[in-house]
Amino acid sequence: MQTTPVGLGFLMNDAKEFPRTDQIVLVLAIYAVLGLLSDLVVRLLERRFLSWRNGFEGE
């Protein structure tokens, strides 16, 4: 199975094969930022579309 030579997954696998700690930390930081951003988007959508529910507090 071949992978594509672009993207975060490729960078992570490349850094794993050739011990590149700096590259691994960078990719993990990018994943963390993407996770926080997606959580923020979901919370904003929840607040907008679920505010009509009785038990919803928007937190």
C-alpha atoms as a PDB file:
ATOM      1  CA  MET A   1       0.000   0.000   0.000  1.00  0.00           C
ATOM      2  CA  GLN A   2       1.440   3.326  -1.055  1.00  0.00           C
ATOM      3  CA  THR A   3       0.741   6.653   0.539  1.00  0.00           C
ATOM      4  CA  THR A   4       0.690  10.044  -1.057  1.00  0.00           C
ATOM      5  CA  PRO A   5       3.886  12.114  -0.729  1.00  0.00           C
ATOM      6  CA  VAL A   6       2.023  15.144   0.649  1.00  0.00           C
ATOM      7  CA  GLY A   7       0.047  15.970   3.752  1.00  0.00           C
ATOM      8  CA  LEU A   8       0.355  15.716   7.503  1.00  0.00           C
ATOM      9  CA  GLY A   9       0.168  11.935   7.549  1.00  0.00           C
ATOM     10  CA  PHE A  10       3.091  11.690   5.174  1.00  0.00           C
ATOM     11  CA  LEU A  11       5.106  14.146   7.260  1.00  0.00           C
ATOM     12  CA  MET A  12       4.411  12.126  10.400  1.00  0.00           C
ATOM     13  CA  ASN A  13       5.398   8.812   8.768  1.00  0.00           C
ATOM     14  CA  ASP A  14       8.489  10.393   7.241  1.00  0.00           C
ATOM     15  CA  ALA A  15       9.529  11.806  10.610  1.00  0.00           C
ATOM     16  CA  LYS A  16       8.946   8.407  12.226  1.00  0.00           C
ATOM     17  CA  GLU A  17      11.165   6.598   9.709  1.00  0.00           C
ATOM     18  CA  PHE A  18      14.017   9.083   9.962  1.00  0.00           C
ATOM     19  CA  PRO A  19      14.054  10.184  13.629  1.00  0.00           C
ATOM     20  CA  ARG A  20      12.985  13.813  13.234  1.00  0.00           C
ATOM     21  CA  THR A  21      11.676  14.888  16.621  1.00  0.00           C
ATOM     22  CA  ASP A  22      11.226  18.494  15.538  1.00  0.00           C
ATOM     23  CA  GLN A  23       8.990  17.446  12.644  1.00  0.00           C
ATOM     24  CA  ILE A  24       6.944  15.135  14.884  1.00  0.00           C
ATOM     25  CA  VAL A  25       6.372  17.936  17.417  1.00  0.00           C
ATOM     26  CA  LEU A  26       5.352  20.320  14.638  1.00  0.00           C
ATOM     27  CA  VAL A  27       2.824  17.881  13.160  1.00  0.00           C
ATOM     28  CA  LEU A  28       1.397  17.170  16.630  1.00  0.00           C
ATOM     29  CA  ALA A  29       1.042  20.907  17.248  1.00  0.00           C
ATOM     30  CA  ILE A  30      -0.766  21.313  13.918  1.00  0.00           C
ATOM     31  CA  TYR A  31      -3.112  18.437  14.821  1.00  0.00           C
ATOM     32  CA  ALA A  32      -3.781  20.089  18.195  1.00  0.00           C
ATOM     33  CA  VAL A  33      -4.639  23.436  16.582  1.00  0.00           C
ATOM     34  CA  LEU A  34      -6.900  21.737  14.035  1.00  0.00           C
ATOM     35  CA  GLY A  35      -8.635  19.867  16.848  1.00  0.00           C
ATOM     36  CA  LEU A  36      -9.229  23.072  18.814  1.00  0.00           C
ATOM     37  CA  LEU A  37     -10.537  24.860  15.725  1.00  0.00           C
ATOM     38  CA  SER A  38     -12.929  22.049  14.841  1.00  0.00           C
ATOM     39  CA  ASP A  39     -14.174  21.974  18.456  1.00  0.00           C
ATOM     40  CA  LEU A  40     -14.777  25.734  18.296  1.00  0.00           C
ATOM     41  CA  VAL A  41     -16.726  25.395  15.043  1.00  0.00           C
ATOM     42  CA  VAL A  42     -18.902  22.613  16.465  1.00  0.00           C
ATOM     43  CA  ARG A  43     -19.604  24.642  19.617  1.00  0.00           C
ATOM     44  CA  LEU A  44     -20.605  27.679  17.546  1.00  0.00           C
ATOM     45  CA  LEU A  45     -22.899  25.549  15.385  1.00  0.00           C
ATOM     46  CA  GLU A  46     -24.392  23.981  18.505  1.00  0.00           C
ATOM     47  CA  ARG A  47     -25.061  27.371  20.031  1.00  0.00           C
ATOM     48  CA  ARG A  48     -26.682  28.592  16.827  1.00  0.00           C
ATOM     49  CA  PHE A  49     -28.813  25.572  15.965  1.00  0.00           C
ATOM     50  CA  LEU A  50     -29.637  24.106  19.381  1.00  0.00           C
ATOM     51  CA  SER A  51     -30.480  27.264  21.317  1.00  0.00           C
ATOM     52  CA  TRP A  52     -34.204  26.465  21.001  1.00  0.00           C
ATOM     53  CA  ARG A  53     -33.883  23.328  23.197  1.00  0.00           C
ATOM     54  CA  ASN A  54     -35.013  23.679  26.816  1.00  0.00           C
ATOM     55  CA  GLY A  55     -31.994  22.048  28.481  1.00  0.00           C
ATOM     56  CA  PHE A  56     -29.346  23.625  26.254  1.00  0.00           C
ATOM     57  CA  GLU A  57     -27.031  26.075  28.040  1.00  0.00           C
ATOM     58  CA  GLY A  58     -24.595  26.763  25.199  1.00  0.00           C
ATOM     59  CA  GLU A  59     -21.403  25.853  27.039  1.00  0.00           C
END
